[in-house]
Amino acid sequence: MASILLTGGAGYIGSHTYVALTQAGHDVVIIDNFSNAGRGVPGRLARITGAPVTCLEGSVLDAQFLDDVFAKHSFDAVVHFAALKAVGESVEKPLDYIETNGQGLITLLRAMEKASVFRLVFSSSATVYGIPDETPTPETAPRRAINPYGFTKIMGEEVLEQLATNDARWAFGTLRYFNPAGAHSSGLIGEDPGDTPNNLMPYIARVATGDLPQISVFGDDYDTPDGTGVRDYIHVEDLAQGHVLSLDALLRSSQSHLVNLGTGQGYSVLEMLSAYSAACGRDLPYKIAPRRSGDVPIYCAAPEKAKKLLGFEARRTLQDMCSSSWNWVAQRPRGN
C-alpha cells in the first residue's frame, strides 16, 4: 500500500487513525512531541496491531527535525493531526495556537515540498462554522472564527486552498470533525485529557470514575425534545476510518476534497447522560446550570457529501461510544 507520515499520531484521534491505517495495509510512521499524548501510547498501539510502532519524538515547528524525518523515509502522503485543540485554552493563549497550528502547518508543508510529497489529509473542525445559520450544517456554510482555535482551522483550510488552486502538484483532504467520542474496542487507547476535560463525554467519564463530582448541564430550556443542547457525536473509530477513505481518495484521484465527518444524528446532553449511566451501571449526578454564551440549541453535520465522495458512513451508535469509553476509562493507565 502506501507509506504515511502521521503527525500527532500518539494523540486521541491520531492513535485510532494509526490503527485504522495499519489495518488497511499502510506503512505508518508517527511523529509526536507528547504535549498532549501519553508516552505509553506507542506500546499500546503495538499490542493492538501486533507489530512494532515507529514513533519519532519531535515538533512540527522544528524544520530540521521534519527535514531529517523526510530524508530517512520515503512517504507517499501525510495525515496531519499535530495541533493544539482546546477552544477555552485558545482564548487564553491565542499566540500559542496561531504559532503551533498555523506555523506548524507551514513548516510541515515546506518539508513536504522539499521531499516532493504533495498529498495531505488535514484535521479540521466544525468549529470553522462558528454559530451556523442552519443545521444540519453543510460544507457550503460560511466560515466564521469566534475563537482563536476556530481561526487557526480556517487559516489552515485557506492555506491549503490557495496551494491547491495555484500549484497543481498539491491535493488535500480536509476533514471537518463534529464531536469525536468513545474509545478503541480493545480498551487500550482512548481520550485522556491532561486536566479538566473541555468536551462532554470525557467530562461525563470523569464523573463516572468518581474523579469529578457531577455534570453541569448548561441550559434546559432550548427548543429541543428535552430542553438540553443537541450535538452530533461520532465514534472515534468511525472518524479514523474517514481518514483512511480520505487518504485513499487522494492517492487514487489526486483531487482535493473537503467534507464533514459526522453522523447527521444529534443527541442531547440528557440522552448522553442516560446512555453513559447505562454503560457504567449507575445514575450519574448532574445539575442544571445557566446557558453559556455562544451555545446553539442544535449542531449537527450534513453528512451526505462525505458519503458521496468517499463512501464514508458512520456506523457505530451512541451506546457504542459510551460503552467503549467506559471500557477505556475503567482500566486505563493514567498519564501513559
C-alpha atoms as a PDB file:
ATOM      1  CA  MET A   1       0.000   0.000   0.000  1.00  0.00           C
ATOM      2  CA  ALA A   2       1.328   3.483   0.865  1.00  0.00           C
ATOM      3  CA  SER A   3       3.914   4.919   3.242  1.00  0.00           C
ATOM      4  CA  ILE A   4       2.328   7.537   5.513  1.00  0.00           C
ATOM      5  CA  LEU A   5       3.651  10.151   7.941  1.00  0.00           C
ATOM      6  CA  LEU A   6       1.175  10.620  10.804  1.00  0.00           C
ATOM      7  CA  THR A   7       1.779  13.841  12.748  1.00  0.00           C
ATOM      8  CA  GLY A   8       0.325  13.877  16.256  1.00  0.00           C
ATOM      9  CA  GLY A   9      -0.189  10.156  15.876  1.00  0.00           C
ATOM     10  CA  ALA A  10       0.019   9.375  19.593  1.00  0.00           C
ATOM     11  CA  GLY A  11      -2.935  11.633  20.430  1.00  0.00           C
ATOM     12  CA  TYR A  12      -6.588  10.684  20.802  1.00  0.00           C
ATOM     13  CA  ILE A  13      -7.760  10.724  17.180  1.00  0.00           C
ATOM     14  CA  GLY A  14      -4.275  10.173  15.766  1.00  0.00           C
ATOM     15  CA  SER A  15      -3.744   6.910  17.639  1.00  0.00           C
ATOM     16  CA  HIS A  16      -7.058   5.470  16.454  1.00  0.00           C
ATOM     17  CA  THR A  17      -6.213   6.537  12.911  1.00  0.00           C
ATOM     18  CA  TYR A  18      -2.842   4.795  13.206  1.00  0.00           C
ATOM     19  CA  VAL A  19      -4.684   1.548  13.914  1.00  0.00           C
ATOM     20  CA  ALA A  20      -7.098   2.075  11.022  1.00  0.00           C
ATOM     21  CA  LEU A  21      -4.291   2.922   8.584  1.00  0.00           C
ATOM     22  CA  THR A  22      -2.169  -0.075   9.539  1.00  0.00           C
ATOM     23  CA  GLN A  23      -5.164  -2.398   9.374  1.00  0.00           C
ATOM     24  CA  ALA A  24      -5.775  -1.054   5.861  1.00  0.00           C
ATOM     25  CA  GLY A  25      -2.256  -2.156   4.936  1.00  0.00           C
ATOM     26  CA  HIS A  26      -0.417   1.175   5.057  1.00  0.00           C
ATOM     27  CA  ASP A  27       3.086   1.594   6.473  1.00  0.00           C
ATOM     28  CA  VAL A  28       2.880   4.386   9.073  1.00  0.00           C
ATOM     29  CA  VAL A  29       5.483   6.488  10.888  1.00  0.00           C
ATOM     30  CA  ILE A  30       4.288   8.603  13.827  1.00  0.00           C
ATOM     31  CA  ILE A  31       5.789  11.889  14.942  1.00  0.00           C
ATOM     32  CA  ASP A  32       4.578  13.467  18.185  1.00  0.00           C
ATOM     33  CA  ASN A  33       6.015  15.825  20.792  1.00  0.00           C
ATOM     34  CA  PHE A  34       3.829  14.208  23.525  1.00  0.00           C
ATOM     35  CA  SER A  35       2.491  17.553  24.706  1.00  0.00           C
ATOM     36  CA  ASN A  36      -0.993  16.033  24.682  1.00  0.00           C
ATOM     37  CA  ALA A  37      -0.318  12.310  24.452  1.00  0.00           C
ATOM     38  CA  GLY A  38       0.845   9.597  26.833  1.00  0.00           C
ATOM     39  CA  ARG A  39       4.252   8.068  26.280  1.00  0.00           C
ATOM     40  CA  GLY A  40       2.775   4.624  26.718  1.00  0.00           C
ATOM     41  CA  VAL A  41       0.556   5.002  23.643  1.00  0.00           C
ATOM     42  CA  PRO A  42       3.037   3.619  21.054  1.00  0.00           C
ATOM     43  CA  GLY A  43       3.471   0.483  23.142  1.00  0.00           C
ATOM     44  CA  ARG A  44      -0.272   0.002  23.362  1.00  0.00           C
ATOM     45  CA  LEU A  45      -0.598   0.557  19.619  1.00  0.00           C
ATOM     46  CA  ALA A  46       1.923  -2.242  19.128  1.00  0.00           C
ATOM     47  CA  ARG A  47      -0.268  -4.510  21.270  1.00  0.00           C
ATOM     48  CA  ILE A  48      -3.358  -3.672  19.212  1.00  0.00           C
ATOM     49  CA  THR A  49      -1.707  -4.105  15.820  1.00  0.00           C
ATOM     50  CA  GLY A  50       0.655  -6.924  16.730  1.00  0.00           C
ATOM     51  CA  ALA A  51       3.580  -5.127  15.097  1.00  0.00           C
ATOM     52  CA  PRO A  52       6.341  -2.707  16.144  1.00  0.00           C
ATOM     53  CA  VAL A  53       5.462   1.001  16.031  1.00  0.00           C
ATOM     54  CA  THR A  54       7.841   3.608  14.625  1.00  0.00           C
ATOM     55  CA  CYS A  55       7.283   6.759  16.701  1.00  0.00           C
ATOM     56  CA  LEU A  56       9.697   9.695  16.489  1.00  0.00           C
ATOM     57  CA  GLU A  57       9.602  12.434  19.101  1.00  0.00           C
ATOM     58  CA  GLY A  58       9.633  15.968  17.738  1.00  0.00           C
ATOM     59  CA  SER A  59       7.591  19.011  16.807  1.00  0.00           C
ATOM     60  CA  VAL A  60       6.104  20.170  13.510  1.00  0.00           C
ATOM     61  CA  LEU A  61       7.571  23.579  14.399  1.00  0.00           C
ATOM     62  CA  ASP A  62      11.084  22.115  14.117  1.00  0.00           C
ATOM     63  CA  ALA A  63      12.044  22.398  10.434  1.00  0.00           C
ATOM     64  CA  GLN A  64      15.307  20.477  10.822  1.00  0.00           C
ATOM     65  CA  PHE A  65      13.566  17.611  12.597  1.00  0.00           C
ATOM     66  CA  LEU A  66      10.993  17.380   9.804  1.00  0.00           C
ATOM     67  CA  ASP A  67      13.645  17.531   7.091  1.00  0.00           C
ATOM     68  CA  ASP A  68      15.515  14.687   8.797  1.00  0.00           C
ATOM     69  CA  VAL A  69      12.345  12.575   9.027  1.00  0.00           C
ATOM     70  CA  PHE A  70      11.551  13.064   5.344  1.00  0.00           C
ATOM     71  CA  ALA A  71      15.186  12.352   4.403  1.00  0.00           C
ATOM     72  CA  LYS A  72      15.100   8.984   6.197  1.00  0.00           C
ATOM     73  CA  HIS A  73      11.710   7.821   4.910  1.00  0.00           C
ATOM     74  CA  SER A  74      10.039   7.799   1.519  1.00  0.00           C
ATOM     75  CA  PHE A  75       6.468   8.924   2.185  1.00  0.00           C
ATOM     76  CA  ASP A  76       3.550   8.919  -0.231  1.00  0.00           C
ATOM     77  CA  ALA A  77       1.354  11.194   1.893  1.00  0.00           C
ATOM     78  CA  VAL A  78       0.893  12.866   5.278  1.00  0.00           C
ATOM     79  CA  VAL A  79      -2.039  12.748   7.701  1.00  0.00           C
ATOM     80  CA  HIS A  80      -1.754  15.857   9.868  1.00  0.00           C
ATOM     81  CA  PHE A  81      -3.144  15.919  13.420  1.00  0.00           C
ATOM     82  CA  ALA A  82      -0.386  17.746  15.304  1.00  0.00           C
ATOM     83  CA  ALA A  83      -2.080  20.866  16.711  1.00  0.00           C
ATOM     84  CA  LEU A  84      -3.432  22.463  19.853  1.00  0.00           C
ATOM     85  CA  LYS A  85      -7.150  21.838  20.154  1.00  0.00           C
ATOM     86  CA  ALA A  86      -8.870  23.315  23.242  1.00  0.00           C
ATOM     87  CA  VAL A  87     -11.217  26.219  22.497  1.00  0.00           C
ATOM     88  CA  GLY A  88     -11.020  27.688  26.011  1.00  0.00           C
ATOM     89  CA  GLU A  89      -7.238  27.482  26.130  1.00  0.00           C
ATOM     90  CA  SER A  90      -7.027  29.166  22.722  1.00  0.00           C
ATOM     91  CA  VAL A  91      -8.784  32.215  24.165  1.00  0.00           C
ATOM     92  CA  GLU A  92      -6.207  32.349  26.961  1.00  0.00           C
ATOM     93  CA  LYS A  93      -3.194  31.647  24.716  1.00  0.00           C
ATOM     94  CA  PRO A  94      -4.068  32.837  21.213  1.00  0.00           C
ATOM     95  CA  LEU A  95      -0.484  33.290  20.055  1.00  0.00           C
ATOM     96  CA  ASP A  96       0.419  29.736  21.073  1.00  0.00           C
ATOM     97  CA  TYR A  97      -2.447  28.447  18.932  1.00  0.00           C
ATOM     98  CA  ILE A  98      -1.612  30.627  15.944  1.00  0.00           C
ATOM     99  CA  GLU A  99       2.034  29.563  16.126  1.00  0.00           C
ATOM    100  CA  THR A 100       1.505  25.823  16.615  1.00  0.00           C
ATOM    101  CA  ASN A 101      -1.495  25.355  14.346  1.00  0.00           C
ATOM    102  CA  GLY A 102      -0.544  27.936  11.730  1.00  0.00           C
ATOM    103  CA  GLN A 103       3.236  27.963  11.596  1.00  0.00           C
ATOM    104  CA  GLY A 104       3.344  24.226  12.297  1.00  0.00           C
ATOM    105  CA  LEU A 105       1.296  23.575   9.164  1.00  0.00           C
ATOM    106  CA  ILE A 106       3.510  25.876   7.057  1.00  0.00           C
ATOM    107  CA  THR A 107       6.700  24.233   8.345  1.00  0.00           C
ATOM    108  CA  LEU A 108       5.265  20.813   7.548  1.00  0.00           C
ATOM    109  CA  LEU A 109       4.238  21.876   4.029  1.00  0.00           C
ATOM    110  CA  ARG A 110       7.757  23.259   3.408  1.00  0.00           C
ATOM    111  CA  ALA A 111       9.289  19.943   4.450  1.00  0.00           C
ATOM    112  CA  MET A 112       6.824  18.062   2.252  1.00  0.00           C
ATOM    113  CA  GLU A 113       7.643  20.238  -0.743  1.00  0.00           C
ATOM    114  CA  LYS A 114      11.375  19.622  -0.314  1.00  0.00           C
ATOM    115  CA  ALA A 115      10.684  15.883  -0.245  1.00  0.00           C
ATOM    116  CA  SER A 116       8.222  16.025  -3.184  1.00  0.00           C
ATOM    117  CA  VAL A 117       5.316  14.752  -1.087  1.00  0.00           C
ATOM    118  CA  PHE A 118       2.148  16.542  -2.200  1.00  0.00           C
ATOM    119  CA  ARG A 119      -0.760  14.666  -0.588  1.00  0.00           C
ATOM    120  CA  LEU A 120      -2.051  15.647   2.854  1.00  0.00           C
ATOM    121  CA  VAL A 121      -5.139  14.813   4.925  1.00  0.00           C
ATOM    122  CA  PHE A 122      -5.873  17.786   7.182  1.00  0.00           C
ATOM    123  CA  SER A 123      -7.564  17.627  10.568  1.00  0.00           C
ATOM    124  CA  SER A 124     -10.085  20.470  10.560  1.00  0.00           C
ATOM    125  CA  SER A 125     -13.151  21.054  12.698  1.00  0.00           C
ATOM    126  CA  ALA A 126     -16.828  22.004  12.643  1.00  0.00           C
ATOM    127  CA  THR A 127     -15.628  24.937  14.769  1.00  0.00           C
ATOM    128  CA  VAL A 128     -14.944  26.700  11.452  1.00  0.00           C
ATOM    129  CA  TYR A 129     -18.713  27.241  11.121  1.00  0.00           C
ATOM    130  CA  GLY A 130     -18.834  29.360  14.292  1.00  0.00           C
ATOM    131  CA  ILE A 131     -22.513  29.656  15.158  1.00  0.00           C
ATOM    132  CA  PRO A 132     -24.077  28.232  11.987  1.00  0.00           C
ATOM    133  CA  ASP A 133     -27.141  29.663  10.280  1.00  0.00           C
ATOM    134  CA  GLU A 134     -28.544  26.212   9.568  1.00  0.00           C
ATOM    135  CA  THR A 135     -28.379  22.715  10.949  1.00  0.00           C
ATOM    136  CA  PRO A 136     -27.680  20.092   9.744  1.00  0.00           C
ATOM    137  CA  THR A 137     -24.760  22.213   8.572  1.00  0.00           C
ATOM    138  CA  PRO A 138     -23.430  21.661   5.033  1.00  0.00           C
ATOM    139  CA  GLU A 139     -19.871  22.275   3.868  1.00  0.00           C
ATOM    140  CA  THR A 140     -21.103  25.342   1.963  1.00  0.00           C
ATOM    141  CA  ALA A 141     -21.997  27.153   5.192  1.00  0.00           C
ATOM    142  CA  PRO A 142     -19.971  30.343   5.830  1.00  0.00           C
ATOM    143  CA  ARG A 143     -16.759  30.042   7.848  1.00  0.00           C
ATOM    144  CA  ARG A 144     -16.719  32.219  10.953  1.00  0.00           C
ATOM    145  CA  ALA A 145     -13.992  32.427  13.571  1.00  0.00           C
ATOM    146  CA  ILE A 146     -15.485  33.010  17.023  1.00  0.00           C
ATOM    147  CA  ASN A 147     -12.350  31.908  18.926  1.00  0.00           C
ATOM    148  CA  PRO A 148      -8.629  31.591  18.154  1.00  0.00           C
ATOM    149  CA  TYR A 149      -8.835  27.811  17.735  1.00  0.00           C
ATOM    150  CA  GLY A 150     -11.507  28.162  15.060  1.00  0.00           C
ATOM    151  CA  PHE A 151      -9.461  30.916  13.427  1.00  0.00           C
ATOM    152  CA  THR A 152      -6.432  28.621  13.129  1.00  0.00           C
ATOM    153  CA  LYS A 153      -8.529  25.916  11.455  1.00  0.00           C
ATOM    154  CA  ILE A 154      -9.970  28.408   8.972  1.00  0.00           C
ATOM    155  CA  MET A 155      -6.457  29.709   8.358  1.00  0.00           C
ATOM    156  CA  GLY A 156      -5.216  26.171   7.713  1.00  0.00           C
ATOM    157  CA  GLU A 157      -8.051  25.447   5.292  1.00  0.00           C
ATOM    158  CA  GLU A 158      -7.392  28.679   3.387  1.00  0.00           C
ATOM    159  CA  VAL A 159      -3.658  27.959   3.128  1.00  0.00           C
ATOM    160  CA  LEU A 160      -4.399  24.554   1.623  1.00  0.00           C
ATOM    161  CA  GLU A 161      -6.992  26.003  -0.750  1.00  0.00           C
ATOM    162  CA  GLN A 162      -4.501  28.597  -2.020  1.00  0.00           C
ATOM    163  CA  LEU A 163      -1.867  25.924  -2.564  1.00  0.00           C
ATOM    164  CA  ALA A 164      -4.196  23.545  -4.380  1.00  0.00           C
ATOM    165  CA  THR A 165      -5.595  26.333  -6.562  1.00  0.00           C
ATOM    166  CA  ASN A 166      -2.236  27.774  -7.587  1.00  0.00           C
ATOM    167  CA  ASP A 167       0.064  24.738  -7.642  1.00  0.00           C
ATOM    168  CA  ALA A 168      -1.310  21.664  -9.405  1.00  0.00           C
ATOM    169  CA  ARG A 169       1.131  19.356  -7.615  1.00  0.00           C
ATOM    170  CA  TRP A 170      -0.841  19.533  -4.368  1.00  0.00           C
ATOM    171  CA  ALA A 171      -4.016  17.742  -3.292  1.00  0.00           C
ATOM    172  CA  PHE A 172      -5.649  17.843   0.134  1.00  0.00           C
ATOM    173  CA  GLY A 173      -8.355  16.020   2.040  1.00  0.00           C
ATOM    174  CA  THR A 174      -9.855  18.493   4.513  1.00  0.00           C
ATOM    175  CA  LEU A 175     -11.985  16.812   7.172  1.00  0.00           C
ATOM    176  CA  ARG A 176     -14.274  18.840   9.424  1.00  0.00           C
ATOM    177  CA  TYR A 177     -14.967  16.784  12.545  1.00  0.00           C
ATOM    178  CA  PHE A 178     -18.038  17.251  14.641  1.00  0.00           C
ATOM    179  CA  ASN A 179     -17.784  15.689  18.151  1.00  0.00           C
ATOM    180  CA  PRO A 180     -15.445  12.684  18.409  1.00  0.00           C
ATOM    181  CA  ALA A 181     -16.340  10.322  21.242  1.00  0.00           C
ATOM    182  CA  GLY A 182     -15.674   6.826  22.519  1.00  0.00           C
ATOM    183  CA  ALA A 183     -12.556   4.676  22.520  1.00  0.00           C
ATOM    184  CA  HIS A 184     -10.998   1.731  20.740  1.00  0.00           C
ATOM    185  CA  SER A 185     -12.790  -1.587  21.152  1.00  0.00           C
ATOM    186  CA  SER A 186      -9.648  -3.076  22.732  1.00  0.00           C
ATOM    187  CA  GLY A 187      -9.845  -0.662  25.672  1.00  0.00           C
ATOM    188  CA  LEU A 188      -6.146   0.100  25.185  1.00  0.00           C
ATOM    189  CA  ILE A 189      -6.431   3.622  23.730  1.00  0.00           C
ATOM    190  CA  GLY A 190      -8.931   6.419  24.244  1.00  0.00           C
ATOM    191  CA  GLU A 191      -9.330  10.046  25.221  1.00  0.00           C
ATOM    192  CA  ASP A 192      -7.299  11.047  28.282  1.00  0.00           C
ATOM    193  CA  PRO A 193      -7.271  14.837  28.807  1.00  0.00           C
ATOM    194  CA  GLY A 194      -4.408  16.008  30.971  1.00  0.00           C
ATOM    195  CA  ASP A 195      -6.615  18.312  33.052  1.00  0.00           C
ATOM    196  CA  THR A 196     -10.348  19.005  33.413  1.00  0.00           C
ATOM    197  CA  PRO A 197     -11.965  17.936  30.126  1.00  0.00           C
ATOM    198  CA  ASN A 198     -13.445  20.528  27.786  1.00  0.00           C
ATOM    199  CA  ASN A 199     -15.772  18.134  25.976  1.00  0.00           C
ATOM    200  CA  LEU A 200     -18.898  16.455  27.298  1.00  0.00           C
ATOM    201  CA  MET A 201     -18.114  12.743  27.062  1.00  0.00           C
ATOM    202  CA  PRO A 202     -14.680  12.815  28.740  1.00  0.00           C
ATOM    203  CA  TYR A 203     -16.199  15.026  31.448  1.00  0.00           C
ATOM    204  CA  ILE A 204     -19.015  12.526  31.997  1.00  0.00           C
ATOM    205  CA  ALA A 205     -16.377   9.780  32.090  1.00  0.00           C
ATOM    206  CA  ARG A 206     -14.541  11.583  34.907  1.00  0.00           C
ATOM    207  CA  VAL A 207     -17.799  11.769  36.855  1.00  0.00           C
ATOM    208  CA  ALA A 208     -18.372   8.060  36.224  1.00  0.00           C
ATOM    209  CA  THR A 209     -14.930   7.219  37.651  1.00  0.00           C
ATOM    210  CA  GLY A 210     -15.502   9.486  40.657  1.00  0.00           C
ATOM    211  CA  ASP A 211     -12.794  11.990  39.685  1.00  0.00           C
ATOM    212  CA  LEU A 212     -15.347  14.791  39.302  1.00  0.00           C
ATOM    213  CA  PRO A 213     -18.468  15.270  41.449  1.00  0.00           C
ATOM    214  CA  GLN A 214     -21.191  15.985  38.885  1.00  0.00           C
ATOM    215  CA  ILE A 215     -22.002  17.189  35.383  1.00  0.00           C
ATOM    216  CA  SER A 216     -23.217  20.722  34.747  1.00  0.00           C
ATOM    217  CA  VAL A 217     -25.938  20.847  32.099  1.00  0.00           C
ATOM    218  CA  PHE A 218     -25.784  24.318  30.595  1.00  0.00           C
ATOM    219  CA  GLY A 219     -29.398  25.177  29.839  1.00  0.00           C
ATOM    220  CA  ASP A 220     -32.540  23.036  29.846  1.00  0.00           C
ATOM    221  CA  ASP A 221     -34.876  25.457  28.074  1.00  0.00           C
ATOM    222  CA  TYR A 222     -33.708  25.145  24.465  1.00  0.00           C
ATOM    223  CA  ASP A 223     -36.191  24.328  21.713  1.00  0.00           C
ATOM    224  CA  THR A 224     -35.156  20.665  21.666  1.00  0.00           C
ATOM    225  CA  PRO A 225     -37.048  17.498  22.678  1.00  0.00           C
ATOM    226  CA  ASP A 226     -35.799  17.583  26.291  1.00  0.00           C
ATOM    227  CA  GLY A 227     -34.667  21.223  26.501  1.00  0.00           C
ATOM    228  CA  THR A 228     -30.925  20.469  26.517  1.00  0.00           C
ATOM    229  CA  GLY A 229     -28.440  21.126  23.724  1.00  0.00           C
ATOM    230  CA  VAL A 230     -28.181  18.588  20.907  1.00  0.00           C
ATOM    231  CA  ARG A 231     -24.845  17.714  19.284  1.00  0.00           C
ATOM    232  CA  ASP A 232     -23.595  15.351  16.594  1.00  0.00           C
ATOM    233  CA  TYR A 233     -21.280  12.771  18.207  1.00  0.00           C
ATOM    234  CA  ILE A 234     -19.205  10.450  16.044  1.00  0.00           C
ATOM    235  CA  HIS A 235     -17.371   7.369  17.300  1.00  0.00           C
ATOM    236  CA  VAL A 236     -13.617   7.878  17.091  1.00  0.00           C
ATOM    237  CA  GLU A 237     -13.181   4.574  15.235  1.00  0.00           C
ATOM    238  CA  ASP A 238     -15.641   5.745  12.571  1.00  0.00           C
ATOM    239  CA  LEU A 239     -13.747   9.031  12.414  1.00  0.00           C
ATOM    240  CA  ALA A 240     -10.472   7.164  11.970  1.00  0.00           C
ATOM    241  CA  GLN A 241     -11.954   5.209   9.078  1.00  0.00           C
ATOM    242  CA  GLY A 242     -12.893   8.514   7.473  1.00  0.00           C
ATOM    243  CA  HIS A 243      -9.193   9.386   7.329  1.00  0.00           C
ATOM    244  CA  VAL A 244      -8.377   6.104   5.591  1.00  0.00           C
ATOM    245  CA  LEU A 245     -11.059   6.785   2.987  1.00  0.00           C
ATOM    246  CA  SER A 246      -9.853  10.375   2.515  1.00  0.00           C
ATOM    247  CA  LEU A 247      -6.264   9.217   2.064  1.00  0.00           C
ATOM    248  CA  ASP A 248      -7.278   6.502  -0.384  1.00  0.00           C
ATOM    249  CA  ALA A 249      -9.251   9.031  -2.431  1.00  0.00           C
ATOM    250  CA  LEU A 250      -6.262  11.403  -2.584  1.00  0.00           C
ATOM    251  CA  LEU A 251      -3.888   8.660  -3.665  1.00  0.00           C
ATOM    252  CA  ARG A 252      -6.347   7.325  -6.218  1.00  0.00           C
ATOM    253  CA  SER A 253      -7.555  10.524  -7.881  1.00  0.00           C
ATOM    254  CA  SER A 254      -5.198  13.361  -6.848  1.00  0.00           C
ATOM    255  CA  GLN A 255      -8.315  15.543  -6.437  1.00  0.00           C
ATOM    256  CA  SER A 256      -8.759  17.652  -3.320  1.00  0.00           C
ATOM    257  CA  HIS A 257     -11.925  17.304  -1.236  1.00  0.00           C
ATOM    258  CA  LEU A 258     -13.479  18.973   1.813  1.00  0.00           C
ATOM    259  CA  VAL A 259     -16.124  17.123   3.829  1.00  0.00           C
ATOM    260  CA  ASN A 260     -17.878  16.988   7.168  1.00  0.00           C
ATOM    261  CA  LEU A 261     -17.316  13.890   9.261  1.00  0.00           C
ATOM    262  CA  GLY A 262     -20.336  13.366  11.477  1.00  0.00           C
ATOM    263  CA  THR A 263     -23.421  11.196  11.695  1.00  0.00           C
ATOM    264  CA  GLY A 264     -26.156  13.727  10.945  1.00  0.00           C
ATOM    265  CA  GLN A 265     -27.865  12.396  14.081  1.00  0.00           C
ATOM    266  CA  GLY A 266     -27.941  14.617  17.170  1.00  0.00           C
ATOM    267  CA  TYR A 267     -28.046  13.546  20.805  1.00  0.00           C
ATOM    268  CA  SER A 268     -28.969  15.786  23.722  1.00  0.00           C
ATOM    269  CA  VAL A 269     -26.949  16.232  26.891  1.00  0.00           C
ATOM    270  CA  LEU A 270     -29.525  14.248  28.852  1.00  0.00           C
ATOM    271  CA  GLU A 271     -29.531  11.461  26.252  1.00  0.00           C
ATOM    272  CA  MET A 272     -25.758  11.282  26.543  1.00  0.00           C
ATOM    273  CA  LEU A 273     -26.012  11.136  30.340  1.00  0.00           C
ATOM    274  CA  SER A 274     -28.600   8.377  30.182  1.00  0.00           C
ATOM    275  CA  ALA A 275     -26.558   6.294  27.745  1.00  0.00           C
ATOM    276  CA  TYR A 276     -23.372   6.675  29.790  1.00  0.00           C
ATOM    277  CA  SER A 277     -25.233   5.837  33.008  1.00  0.00           C
ATOM    278  CA  ALA A 278     -26.384   2.615  31.354  1.00  0.00           C
ATOM    279  CA  ALA A 279     -22.825   1.855  30.223  1.00  0.00           C
ATOM    280  CA  CYS A 280     -21.250   2.327  33.658  1.00  0.00           C
ATOM    281  CA  GLY A 281     -24.150   0.822  35.601  1.00  0.00           C
ATOM    282  CA  ARG A 282     -25.126   3.772  37.785  1.00  0.00           C
ATOM    283  CA  ASP A 283     -27.031   7.028  37.559  1.00  0.00           C
ATOM    284  CA  LEU A 284     -24.624   9.924  37.172  1.00  0.00           C
ATOM    285  CA  PRO A 285     -25.274  13.122  39.156  1.00  0.00           C
ATOM    286  CA  TYR A 286     -25.884  16.367  37.326  1.00  0.00           C
ATOM    287  CA  LYS A 287     -27.161  19.878  37.918  1.00  0.00           C
ATOM    288  CA  ILE A 288     -28.859  22.350  35.603  1.00  0.00           C
ATOM    289  CA  ALA A 289     -26.769  25.482  35.081  1.00  0.00           C
ATOM    290  CA  PRO A 290     -27.425  28.690  33.103  1.00  0.00           C
ATOM    291  CA  ARG A 291     -26.913  28.680  29.357  1.00  0.00           C
ATOM    292  CA  ARG A 292     -23.429  29.506  28.106  1.00  0.00           C
ATOM    293  CA  SER A 293     -22.919  32.406  25.741  1.00  0.00           C
ATOM    294  CA  GLY A 294     -22.439  31.225  22.155  1.00  0.00           C
ATOM    295  CA  ASP A 295     -24.078  27.815  22.584  1.00  0.00           C
ATOM    296  CA  VAL A 296     -26.678  26.888  19.975  1.00  0.00           C
ATOM    297  CA  PRO A 297     -29.647  24.552  20.503  1.00  0.00           C
ATOM    298  CA  ILE A 298     -28.720  22.002  17.810  1.00  0.00           C
ATOM    299  CA  TYR A 299     -25.436  21.486  15.981  1.00  0.00           C
ATOM    300  CA  CYS A 300     -25.242  18.576  13.548  1.00  0.00           C
ATOM    301  CA  ALA A 301     -23.404  17.690  10.361  1.00  0.00           C
ATOM    302  CA  ALA A 302     -24.883  17.329   6.938  1.00  0.00           C
ATOM    303  CA  PRO A 303     -23.006  14.089   6.136  1.00  0.00           C
ATOM    304  CA  GLU A 304     -24.126  13.446   2.560  1.00  0.00           C
ATOM    305  CA  LYS A 305     -21.050  14.838   0.804  1.00  0.00           C
ATOM    306  CA  ALA A 306     -18.638  12.522   2.653  1.00  0.00           C
ATOM    307  CA  LYS A 307     -20.797   9.549   1.706  1.00  0.00           C
ATOM    308  CA  LYS A 308     -20.951  10.607  -1.940  1.00  0.00           C
ATOM    309  CA  LEU A 309     -17.252  11.458  -2.372  1.00  0.00           C
ATOM    310  CA  LEU A 310     -15.583   8.981  -0.021  1.00  0.00           C
ATOM    311  CA  GLY A 311     -18.159   6.303   0.656  1.00  0.00           C
ATOM    312  CA  PHE A 312     -17.993   7.313   4.312  1.00  0.00           C
ATOM    313  CA  GLU A 313     -20.818   6.482   6.685  1.00  0.00           C
ATOM    314  CA  ALA A 314     -20.658   6.409  10.483  1.00  0.00           C
ATOM    315  CA  ARG A 315     -21.854   3.012  11.711  1.00  0.00           C
ATOM    316  CA  ARG A 316     -21.406   2.981  15.494  1.00  0.00           C
ATOM    317  CA  THR A 317     -24.148   4.077  17.893  1.00  0.00           C
ATOM    318  CA  LEU A 318     -24.277   6.323  20.945  1.00  0.00           C
ATOM    319  CA  GLN A 319     -24.337   3.170  23.048  1.00  0.00           C
ATOM    320  CA  ASP A 320     -21.144   2.000  21.316  1.00  0.00           C
ATOM    321  CA  MET A 321     -19.487   5.339  22.118  1.00  0.00           C
ATOM    322  CA  CYS A 322     -20.452   5.215  25.783  1.00  0.00           C
ATOM    323  CA  SER A 323     -19.635   1.551  26.391  1.00  0.00           C
ATOM    324  CA  SER A 324     -16.239   1.826  24.665  1.00  0.00           C
ATOM    325  CA  SER A 325     -15.427   4.991  26.610  1.00  0.00           C
ATOM    326  CA  TRP A 326     -16.332   3.311  29.907  1.00  0.00           C
ATOM    327  CA  ASN A 327     -14.315   0.222  28.984  1.00  0.00           C
ATOM    328  CA  TRP A 328     -11.330   2.531  28.431  1.00  0.00           C
ATOM    329  CA  VAL A 329     -11.593   4.813  31.476  1.00  0.00           C
ATOM    330  CA  ALA A 330     -12.366   1.978  33.883  1.00  0.00           C
ATOM    331  CA  GLN A 331      -8.998   0.353  33.213  1.00  0.00           C
ATOM    332  CA  ARG A 332      -6.758   2.979  31.607  1.00  0.00           C
ATOM    333  CA  PRO A 333      -3.225   3.609  32.861  1.00  0.00           C
ATOM    334  CA  ARG A 334      -3.299   7.283  33.882  1.00  0.00           C
ATOM    335  CA  GLY A 335      -0.767   9.539  32.207  1.00  0.00           C
ATOM    336  CA  ASN A 336       0.624   6.836  29.920  1.00  0.00           C
END
